[in-house]
Amino acid sequence: MAEGISLLIDTTKCIACRGCQVACKQWNQRAAEKTVNHGNRQNPPDLSFNTWKLVRFSEIPRDVAPLYFFPDQCRHCLTPSCKEMADLRAGNLITIDKKTGAVIFNQKTKLKPEDFEEIREACPYDIPRFNSGSMQMAKCTLCFNRTQEGIPPACVKTCPTGGMQFGNRQEILDKANKRLAEVRRIYKHALLVDPEEVRVIYLLADDPRKYYHLTKAENKPGISRKVALKQFSQPLRMFRALAG
C-alpha cells in the first residue's frame, strides 16, 4: 500500500469562493492572469503556467443542481505517467518526493515544446502547462515544502467550509469512505474519483461528466501505450546505431 500523504476534496462542501485558487497563487508566487469575460463564472478560463489550481464552473440548465463546482489541480498519481514520459524526454524534470509522495517538477529544467507536448499528452487529466518564453513546465506541487513539515497545503488551510482535508494517506482514504457513505444518503450517485490511483481524491455528488470532462481519467494513470512503445524501441535504436 502507498504511504505518504493524500488530499480529500469534498465538492459537496465547495461554495466556489475561489479562496483555494487565490491561496495557491499567493503561496507559490504565481503571476495574475490577464483575462476577459467569457460569459461564465470561471476565471481564468483554464489552468496555465501561472494558475495551478482552478475552480471550474459547469452550468447545466434544468438539472437538479444547475451549477457544479470543481477545484481542478494535479492529482499526484501514485504511478505518474507524466514522469514516465519525462524520464524519456527530459531527464530529471519530474520526480516523486520521498516523504510525501508528491509529484514535483524541476523549475530549472528547460524543455523543447515537442517534449513538453509528449509529457502533457501522457497525463490522463491534462494538467501540465508550459511557458514558451522560459521553456519551462509548471503544475501543482501539493505544497510539498509545507507538507514535508506536516503543514497543510495553502488551499486546504484557506478553505472556509472544510471542504479540503489533508493527512496520512490511509487516514484520508478512511475519511473519504466515511464521508461518501454520509453523502450517499442525499446524493445516491455520489462517488470517489480514482481513489486507488491518485493522492488528490475528489468526492463528487453526481456523474463526473457534469463537472468537467477530465474529472475522471479516461485511461487509468500508469504507463501509457506510447511510453511503453518508446521504452521498447529505445534499445533497438541504440543497437542500430552501434551496428552502424
C-alpha atoms as a PDB file:
ATOM      1  CA  MET A   1       0.000   0.000   0.000  1.00  0.00           C
ATOM      2  CA  ALA A   2       1.261   3.501  -0.879  1.00  0.00           C
ATOM      3  CA  GLU A   3       2.390   5.642   2.024  1.00  0.00           C
ATOM      4  CA  GLY A   4       2.844   9.403   2.134  1.00  0.00           C
ATOM      5  CA  ILE A   5       0.013  11.911   2.184  1.00  0.00           C
ATOM      6  CA  SER A   6      -3.304  12.447   0.444  1.00  0.00           C
ATOM      7  CA  LEU A   7      -5.787  15.267  -0.019  1.00  0.00           C
ATOM      8  CA  LEU A   8      -9.568  14.889   0.043  1.00  0.00           C
ATOM      9  CA  ILE A   9     -11.605  17.473  -1.868  1.00  0.00           C
ATOM     10  CA  ASP A  10     -15.288  17.214  -0.957  1.00  0.00           C
ATOM     11  CA  THR A  11     -17.122  19.076  -3.715  1.00  0.00           C
ATOM     12  CA  THR A  12     -20.405  18.853  -1.782  1.00  0.00           C
ATOM     13  CA  LYS A  13     -18.906  21.452   0.578  1.00  0.00           C
ATOM     14  CA  CYS A  14     -17.431  23.670  -2.145  1.00  0.00           C
ATOM     15  CA  ILE A  15     -19.071  27.113  -2.433  1.00  0.00           C
ATOM     16  CA  ALA A  16     -16.806  28.237  -5.310  1.00  0.00           C
ATOM     17  CA  CYS A  17     -15.376  31.126  -3.314  1.00  0.00           C
ATOM     18  CA  ARG A  18     -12.052  30.519  -5.093  1.00  0.00           C
ATOM     19  CA  GLY A  19     -10.133  31.087  -1.896  1.00  0.00           C
ATOM     20  CA  CYS A  20      -8.080  27.967  -2.681  1.00  0.00           C
ATOM     21  CA  GLN A  21      -7.267  29.337  -6.117  1.00  0.00           C
ATOM     22  CA  VAL A  22      -6.025  32.635  -4.662  1.00  0.00           C
ATOM     23  CA  ALA A  23      -4.098  30.946  -1.831  1.00  0.00           C
ATOM     24  CA  CYS A  24      -2.304  28.725  -4.348  1.00  0.00           C
ATOM     25  CA  LYS A  25      -1.159  31.747  -6.343  1.00  0.00           C
ATOM     26  CA  GLN A  26      -0.106  33.626  -3.243  1.00  0.00           C
ATOM     27  CA  TRP A  27       1.925  30.802  -1.688  1.00  0.00           C
ATOM     28  CA  ASN A  28       3.607  29.813  -4.945  1.00  0.00           C
ATOM     29  CA  GLN A  29       4.119  33.429  -6.048  1.00  0.00           C
ATOM     30  CA  ARG A  30       2.445  32.971  -9.411  1.00  0.00           C
ATOM     31  CA  ALA A  31       1.551  35.957 -11.572  1.00  0.00           C
ATOM     32  CA  ALA A  32      -2.040  37.048 -12.116  1.00  0.00           C
ATOM     33  CA  GLU A  33      -3.754  36.186 -15.400  1.00  0.00           C
ATOM     34  CA  LYS A  34      -4.997  38.808 -17.844  1.00  0.00           C
ATOM     35  CA  THR A  35      -8.411  37.503 -18.865  1.00  0.00           C
ATOM     36  CA  VAL A  36     -11.645  38.636 -20.474  1.00  0.00           C
ATOM     37  CA  ASN A  37     -15.269  37.844 -19.671  1.00  0.00           C
ATOM     38  CA  HIS A  38     -16.169  34.596 -21.427  1.00  0.00           C
ATOM     39  CA  GLY A  39     -19.805  34.684 -20.354  1.00  0.00           C
ATOM     40  CA  ASN A  40     -19.497  32.332 -17.406  1.00  0.00           C
ATOM     41  CA  ARG A  41     -18.251  32.427 -13.822  1.00  0.00           C
ATOM     42  CA  GLN A  42     -14.999  30.548 -14.438  1.00  0.00           C
ATOM     43  CA  ASN A  43     -11.955  32.798 -14.386  1.00  0.00           C
ATOM     44  CA  PRO A  44      -9.334  32.370 -15.724  1.00  0.00           C
ATOM     45  CA  PRO A  45     -10.678  30.035 -18.395  1.00  0.00           C
ATOM     46  CA  ASP A  46      -8.151  27.243 -17.839  1.00  0.00           C
ATOM     47  CA  LEU A  47      -5.109  26.063 -15.928  1.00  0.00           C
ATOM     48  CA  SER A  48      -1.887  27.699 -17.057  1.00  0.00           C
ATOM     49  CA  PHE A  49       1.805  28.116 -16.271  1.00  0.00           C
ATOM     50  CA  ASN A  50       0.757  30.568 -13.540  1.00  0.00           C
ATOM     51  CA  THR A  51      -2.563  29.034 -12.477  1.00  0.00           C
ATOM     52  CA  TRP A  52      -2.053  25.667 -10.810  1.00  0.00           C
ATOM     53  CA  LYS A  53      -5.472  25.422  -9.191  1.00  0.00           C
ATOM     54  CA  LEU A  54      -8.708  26.452 -10.885  1.00  0.00           C
ATOM     55  CA  VAL A  55     -12.291  26.280  -9.672  1.00  0.00           C
ATOM     56  CA  ARG A  56     -14.205  25.091 -12.724  1.00  0.00           C
ATOM     57  CA  PHE A  57     -17.858  26.023 -13.144  1.00  0.00           C
ATOM     58  CA  SER A  58     -20.221  23.780 -15.079  1.00  0.00           C
ATOM     59  CA  GLU A  59     -23.737  25.045 -15.701  1.00  0.00           C
ATOM     60  CA  ILE A  60     -26.421  22.541 -16.683  1.00  0.00           C
ATOM     61  CA  PRO A  61     -29.813  24.246 -17.171  1.00  0.00           C
ATOM     62  CA  ARG A  62     -32.862  22.381 -15.840  1.00  0.00           C
ATOM     63  CA  ASP A  63     -30.637  19.984 -13.888  1.00  0.00           C
ATOM     64  CA  VAL A  64     -31.425  19.225 -10.235  1.00  0.00           C
ATOM     65  CA  ALA A  65     -28.244  21.111  -9.311  1.00  0.00           C
ATOM     66  CA  PRO A  66     -27.701  23.541 -12.221  1.00  0.00           C
ATOM     67  CA  LEU A  67     -24.197  24.557 -11.062  1.00  0.00           C
ATOM     68  CA  TYR A  68     -21.317  22.169 -10.407  1.00  0.00           C
ATOM     69  CA  PHE A  69     -18.052  23.347  -8.840  1.00  0.00           C
ATOM     70  CA  PHE A  70     -14.766  21.514  -9.365  1.00  0.00           C
ATOM     71  CA  PRO A  71     -11.444  22.763  -7.872  1.00  0.00           C
ATOM     72  CA  ASP A  72      -9.154  21.318 -10.538  1.00  0.00           C
ATOM     73  CA  GLN A  73      -5.465  20.573  -9.892  1.00  0.00           C
ATOM     74  CA  CYS A  74      -2.788  17.902 -10.332  1.00  0.00           C
ATOM     75  CA  ARG A  75      -3.946  14.567  -8.879  1.00  0.00           C
ATOM     76  CA  HIS A  76      -0.423  13.436  -7.914  1.00  0.00           C
ATOM     77  CA  CYS A  77      -0.863   9.940  -9.327  1.00  0.00           C
ATOM     78  CA  LEU A  78       0.710   7.041  -7.468  1.00  0.00           C
ATOM     79  CA  THR A  79       2.151   5.889 -10.797  1.00  0.00           C
ATOM     80  CA  PRO A  80       2.508   9.160 -12.721  1.00  0.00           C
ATOM     81  CA  SER A  81       2.570   8.614 -16.470  1.00  0.00           C
ATOM     82  CA  CYS A  82       3.833  12.187 -16.912  1.00  0.00           C
ATOM     83  CA  LYS A  83       7.007  11.177 -15.065  1.00  0.00           C
ATOM     84  CA  GLU A  84       7.426   8.061 -17.165  1.00  0.00           C
ATOM     85  CA  MET A  85       7.309  10.168 -20.301  1.00  0.00           C
ATOM     86  CA  ALA A  86       9.509  12.880 -18.789  1.00  0.00           C
ATOM     87  CA  ASP A  87      12.133  10.271 -17.892  1.00  0.00           C
ATOM     88  CA  LEU A  88      12.379   9.518 -21.599  1.00  0.00           C
ATOM     89  CA  ARG A  89      12.177  13.071 -22.912  1.00  0.00           C
ATOM     90  CA  ALA A  90      13.511  15.385 -20.204  1.00  0.00           C
ATOM     91  CA  GLY A  91      15.712  13.550 -17.717  1.00  0.00           C
ATOM     92  CA  ASN A  92      15.049  14.629 -14.138  1.00  0.00           C
ATOM     93  CA  LEU A  93      12.227  17.053 -14.936  1.00  0.00           C
ATOM     94  CA  ILE A  94       9.681  15.212 -12.779  1.00  0.00           C
ATOM     95  CA  THR A  95      10.431  13.451  -9.505  1.00  0.00           C
ATOM     96  CA  ILE A  96       8.433  11.970  -6.630  1.00  0.00           C
ATOM     97  CA  ASP A  97       9.031  13.429  -3.185  1.00  0.00           C
ATOM     98  CA  LYS A  98      10.059  10.503  -0.984  1.00  0.00           C
ATOM     99  CA  LYS A  99       8.405  11.804   2.184  1.00  0.00           C
ATOM    100  CA  THR A 100       5.020  12.929   0.853  1.00  0.00           C
ATOM    101  CA  GLY A 101       4.679  11.153  -2.489  1.00  0.00           C
ATOM    102  CA  ALA A 102       4.003  14.469  -4.229  1.00  0.00           C
ATOM    103  CA  VAL A 103       4.805  14.560  -7.949  1.00  0.00           C
ATOM    104  CA  ILE A 104       7.030  17.615  -8.370  1.00  0.00           C
ATOM    105  CA  PHE A 105       8.807  19.284 -11.277  1.00  0.00           C
ATOM    106  CA  ASN A 106      12.282  20.793 -11.593  1.00  0.00           C
ATOM    107  CA  GLN A 107      11.769  24.524 -12.068  1.00  0.00           C
ATOM    108  CA  LYS A 108      15.223  24.942 -13.623  1.00  0.00           C
ATOM    109  CA  THR A 109      14.794  22.378 -16.406  1.00  0.00           C
ATOM    110  CA  LYS A 110      14.214  23.807 -19.872  1.00  0.00           C
ATOM    111  CA  LEU A 111      12.220  21.816 -22.411  1.00  0.00           C
ATOM    112  CA  LYS A 112      11.673  21.616 -26.112  1.00  0.00           C
ATOM    113  CA  PRO A 113       7.997  22.301 -26.930  1.00  0.00           C
ATOM    114  CA  GLU A 114       7.637  18.896 -28.590  1.00  0.00           C
ATOM    115  CA  ASP A 115       8.982  17.152 -25.481  1.00  0.00           C
ATOM    116  CA  PHE A 116       6.533  19.030 -23.280  1.00  0.00           C
ATOM    117  CA  GLU A 117       3.611  18.079 -25.528  1.00  0.00           C
ATOM    118  CA  GLU A 118       4.501  14.407 -25.141  1.00  0.00           C
ATOM    119  CA  ILE A 119       4.578  14.822 -21.349  1.00  0.00           C
ATOM    120  CA  ARG A 120       1.268  16.681 -21.288  1.00  0.00           C
ATOM    121  CA  GLU A 121      -0.355  14.103 -23.538  1.00  0.00           C
ATOM    122  CA  ALA A 122       0.708  11.352 -21.128  1.00  0.00           C
ATOM    123  CA  CYS A 123      -1.278  12.942 -18.285  1.00  0.00           C
ATOM    124  CA  PRO A 124      -4.801  11.450 -18.074  1.00  0.00           C
ATOM    125  CA  TYR A 125      -6.099  14.700 -16.529  1.00  0.00           C
ATOM    126  CA  ASP A 126      -4.332  17.202 -18.852  1.00  0.00           C
ATOM    127  CA  ILE A 127      -2.560  19.062 -16.036  1.00  0.00           C
ATOM    128  CA  PRO A 128       0.997  20.130 -17.043  1.00  0.00           C
ATOM    129  CA  ARG A 129       1.393  23.594 -18.567  1.00  0.00           C
ATOM    130  CA  PHE A 130       4.237  25.277 -20.465  1.00  0.00           C
ATOM    131  CA  ASN A 131       5.795  28.732 -20.792  1.00  0.00           C
ATOM    132  CA  SER A 132       7.083  29.131 -24.328  1.00  0.00           C
ATOM    133  CA  GLY A 133       9.204  32.108 -23.256  1.00  0.00           C
ATOM    134  CA  SER A 134      11.148  30.426 -20.457  1.00  0.00           C
ATOM    135  CA  MET A 135      10.754  26.939 -21.989  1.00  0.00           C
ATOM    136  CA  GLN A 136       9.703  25.553 -18.606  1.00  0.00           C
ATOM    137  CA  MET A 137       6.875  23.394 -17.289  1.00  0.00           C
ATOM    138  CA  ALA A 138       4.736  24.049 -14.217  1.00  0.00           C
ATOM    139  CA  LYS A 139       1.928  22.457 -12.204  1.00  0.00           C
ATOM    140  CA  CYS A 140       0.694  21.963  -8.630  1.00  0.00           C
ATOM    141  CA  THR A 141       3.374  20.594  -6.278  1.00  0.00           C
ATOM    142  CA  LEU A 142       0.966  19.669  -3.462  1.00  0.00           C
ATOM    143  CA  CYS A 143       2.837  22.371  -1.497  1.00  0.00           C
ATOM    144  CA  PHE A 144       5.478  19.746  -0.713  1.00  0.00           C
ATOM    145  CA  ASN A 145       7.611  22.404   1.001  1.00  0.00           C
ATOM    146  CA  ARG A 146       4.765  22.738   3.507  1.00  0.00           C
ATOM    147  CA  THR A 147       3.506  19.170   3.671  1.00  0.00           C
ATOM    148  CA  GLN A 148       7.005  17.795   4.331  1.00  0.00           C
ATOM    149  CA  GLU A 149       6.734  19.613   7.675  1.00  0.00           C
ATOM    150  CA  GLY A 150       3.177  18.462   8.350  1.00  0.00           C
ATOM    151  CA  ILE A 151       1.704  21.845   7.381  1.00  0.00           C
ATOM    152  CA  PRO A 152      -1.461  21.658   5.210  1.00  0.00           C
ATOM    153  CA  PRO A 153      -1.261  22.862   1.602  1.00  0.00           C
ATOM    154  CA  ALA A 154      -2.186  26.523   1.164  1.00  0.00           C
ATOM    155  CA  CYS A 155      -5.504  25.623  -0.485  1.00  0.00           C
ATOM    156  CA  VAL A 156      -6.511  23.356   2.408  1.00  0.00           C
ATOM    157  CA  LYS A 157      -5.672  25.940   5.041  1.00  0.00           C
ATOM    158  CA  THR A 158      -7.734  28.658   3.371  1.00  0.00           C
ATOM    159  CA  CYS A 159     -10.916  26.641   2.613  1.00  0.00           C
ATOM    160  CA  PRO A 160     -13.689  28.211   4.774  1.00  0.00           C
ATOM    161  CA  THR A 161     -16.070  25.233   4.645  1.00  0.00           C
ATOM    162  CA  GLY A 162     -13.691  22.400   5.497  1.00  0.00           C
ATOM    163  CA  GLY A 163     -14.155  21.021   2.010  1.00  0.00           C
ATOM    164  CA  MET A 164     -10.500  20.012   1.814  1.00  0.00           C
ATOM    165  CA  GLN A 165      -8.693  17.703   4.217  1.00  0.00           C
ATOM    166  CA  PHE A 166      -5.030  16.712   4.276  1.00  0.00           C
ATOM    167  CA  GLY A 167      -3.187  13.959   6.115  1.00  0.00           C
ATOM    168  CA  ASN A 168      -1.719  10.467   6.095  1.00  0.00           C
ATOM    169  CA  ARG A 169      -2.924   8.594   3.002  1.00  0.00           C
ATOM    170  CA  GLN A 170      -4.708   5.779   4.819  1.00  0.00           C
ATOM    171  CA  GLU A 171      -6.311   8.256   7.203  1.00  0.00           C
ATOM    172  CA  ILE A 172      -7.628  10.302   4.294  1.00  0.00           C
ATOM    173  CA  LEU A 173      -8.913   7.200   2.484  1.00  0.00           C
ATOM    174  CA  ASP A 174     -10.810   6.202   5.634  1.00  0.00           C
ATOM    175  CA  LYS A 175     -12.286   9.698   5.962  1.00  0.00           C
ATOM    176  CA  ALA A 176     -13.202   9.727   2.284  1.00  0.00           C
ATOM    177  CA  ASN A 177     -15.118   6.448   2.506  1.00  0.00           C
ATOM    178  CA  LYS A 178     -16.877   7.537   5.683  1.00  0.00           C
ATOM    179  CA  ARG A 179     -17.890  10.850   4.139  1.00  0.00           C
ATOM    180  CA  LEU A 180     -19.033   9.084   0.954  1.00  0.00           C
ATOM    181  CA  ALA A 181     -21.423   6.922   2.982  1.00  0.00           C
ATOM    182  CA  GLU A 182     -22.874  10.071   4.575  1.00  0.00           C
ATOM    183  CA  VAL A 183     -23.243  11.916   1.278  1.00  0.00           C
ATOM    184  CA  ARG A 184     -24.972   8.970  -0.421  1.00  0.00           C
ATOM    185  CA  ARG A 185     -27.901   9.368   1.954  1.00  0.00           C
ATOM    186  CA  ILE A 186     -28.707  12.513  -0.021  1.00  0.00           C
ATOM    187  CA  TYR A 187     -26.911  12.019  -3.342  1.00  0.00           C
ATOM    188  CA  LYS A 188     -27.284   8.383  -4.389  1.00  0.00           C
ATOM    189  CA  HIS A 189     -24.848   8.740  -7.304  1.00  0.00           C
ATOM    190  CA  ALA A 190     -22.019  10.170  -5.176  1.00  0.00           C
ATOM    191  CA  LEU A 191     -18.579   8.659  -5.728  1.00  0.00           C
ATOM    192  CA  LEU A 192     -14.860   8.982  -5.060  1.00  0.00           C
ATOM    193  CA  VAL A 193     -12.781   9.630  -8.176  1.00  0.00           C
ATOM    194  CA  ASP A 194      -9.901   7.220  -8.838  1.00  0.00           C
ATOM    195  CA  PRO A 195      -9.066   6.836  -5.109  1.00  0.00           C
ATOM    196  CA  GLU A 196      -6.677   3.917  -5.607  1.00  0.00           C
ATOM    197  CA  GLU A 197      -4.630   5.688  -8.286  1.00  0.00           C
ATOM    198  CA  VAL A 198      -4.188   9.254  -7.022  1.00  0.00           C
ATOM    199  CA  ARG A 199      -3.274  11.226  -3.907  1.00  0.00           C
ATOM    200  CA  VAL A 200      -5.761  14.031  -4.553  1.00  0.00           C
ATOM    201  CA  ILE A 201      -9.125  12.330  -4.101  1.00  0.00           C
ATOM    202  CA  TYR A 202     -12.353  14.033  -5.143  1.00  0.00           C
ATOM    203  CA  LEU A 203     -15.758  13.286  -3.687  1.00  0.00           C
ATOM    204  CA  LEU A 204     -18.475  14.126  -6.227  1.00  0.00           C
ATOM    205  CA  ALA A 205     -22.219  14.213  -5.707  1.00  0.00           C
ATOM    206  CA  ASP A 206     -23.063  13.184  -9.267  1.00  0.00           C
ATOM    207  CA  ASP A 207     -21.789  11.965 -12.634  1.00  0.00           C
ATOM    208  CA  PRO A 208     -18.187  13.200 -13.108  1.00  0.00           C
ATOM    209  CA  ARG A 209     -19.006  14.388 -16.639  1.00  0.00           C
ATOM    210  CA  LYS A 210     -21.325  17.026 -15.196  1.00  0.00           C
ATOM    211  CA  TYR A 211     -18.368  18.704 -13.509  1.00  0.00           C
ATOM    212  CA  TYR A 212     -15.675  18.614 -16.195  1.00  0.00           C
ATOM    213  CA  HIS A 213     -14.846  16.197 -18.987  1.00  0.00           C
ATOM    214  CA  LEU A 214     -11.473  15.286 -17.430  1.00  0.00           C
ATOM    215  CA  THR A 215     -12.666  14.964 -13.848  1.00  0.00           C
ATOM    216  CA  LYS A 216     -12.139  11.206 -14.113  1.00  0.00           C
ATOM    217  CA  ALA A 217      -9.278   9.664 -16.067  1.00  0.00           C
ATOM    218  CA  GLU A 218     -10.383   8.131 -19.338  1.00  0.00           C
ATOM    219  CA  ASN A 219      -7.263   5.984 -19.263  1.00  0.00           C
ATOM    220  CA  LYS A 220      -6.136   4.925 -15.813  1.00  0.00           C
ATOM    221  CA  PRO A 221      -2.892   6.508 -14.563  1.00  0.00           C
ATOM    222  CA  GLY A 222       0.115   4.336 -15.235  1.00  0.00           C
ATOM    223  CA  ILE A 223       2.393   3.624 -18.140  1.00  0.00           C
ATOM    224  CA  SER A 224       0.781   4.675 -21.405  1.00  0.00           C
ATOM    225  CA  ARG A 225       0.952   2.762 -24.654  1.00  0.00           C
ATOM    226  CA  LYS A 226       3.120   5.490 -26.130  1.00  0.00           C
ATOM    227  CA  VAL A 227       5.567   5.317 -23.229  1.00  0.00           C
ATOM    228  CA  ALA A 228       5.680   1.522 -23.454  1.00  0.00           C
ATOM    229  CA  LEU A 229       6.448   1.643 -27.170  1.00  0.00           C
ATOM    230  CA  LYS A 230       9.195   4.198 -26.633  1.00  0.00           C
ATOM    231  CA  GLN A 231      10.784   2.131 -23.886  1.00  0.00           C
ATOM    232  CA  PHE A 232      10.630  -0.930 -26.122  1.00  0.00           C
ATOM    233  CA  SER A 233      12.118   0.821 -29.143  1.00  0.00           C
ATOM    234  CA  GLN A 234      14.895   2.677 -27.313  1.00  0.00           C
ATOM    235  CA  PRO A 235      17.265  -0.347 -27.007  1.00  0.00           C
ATOM    236  CA  LEU A 236      16.549  -1.214 -30.642  1.00  0.00           C
ATOM    237  CA  ARG A 237      17.580   2.273 -31.794  1.00  0.00           C
ATOM    238  CA  MET A 238      20.793   2.011 -29.738  1.00  0.00           C
ATOM    239  CA  PHE A 239      21.563  -1.384 -31.308  1.00  0.00           C
ATOM    240  CA  ARG A 240      21.067   0.021 -34.815  1.00  0.00           C
ATOM    241  CA  ALA A 241      23.340   2.964 -34.011  1.00  0.00           C
ATOM    242  CA  LEU A 242      26.098   0.661 -32.740  1.00  0.00           C
ATOM    243  CA  ALA A 243      25.689  -1.621 -35.740  1.00  0.00           C
ATOM    244  CA  GLY A 244      26.367   1.383 -37.926  1.00  0.00           C
END
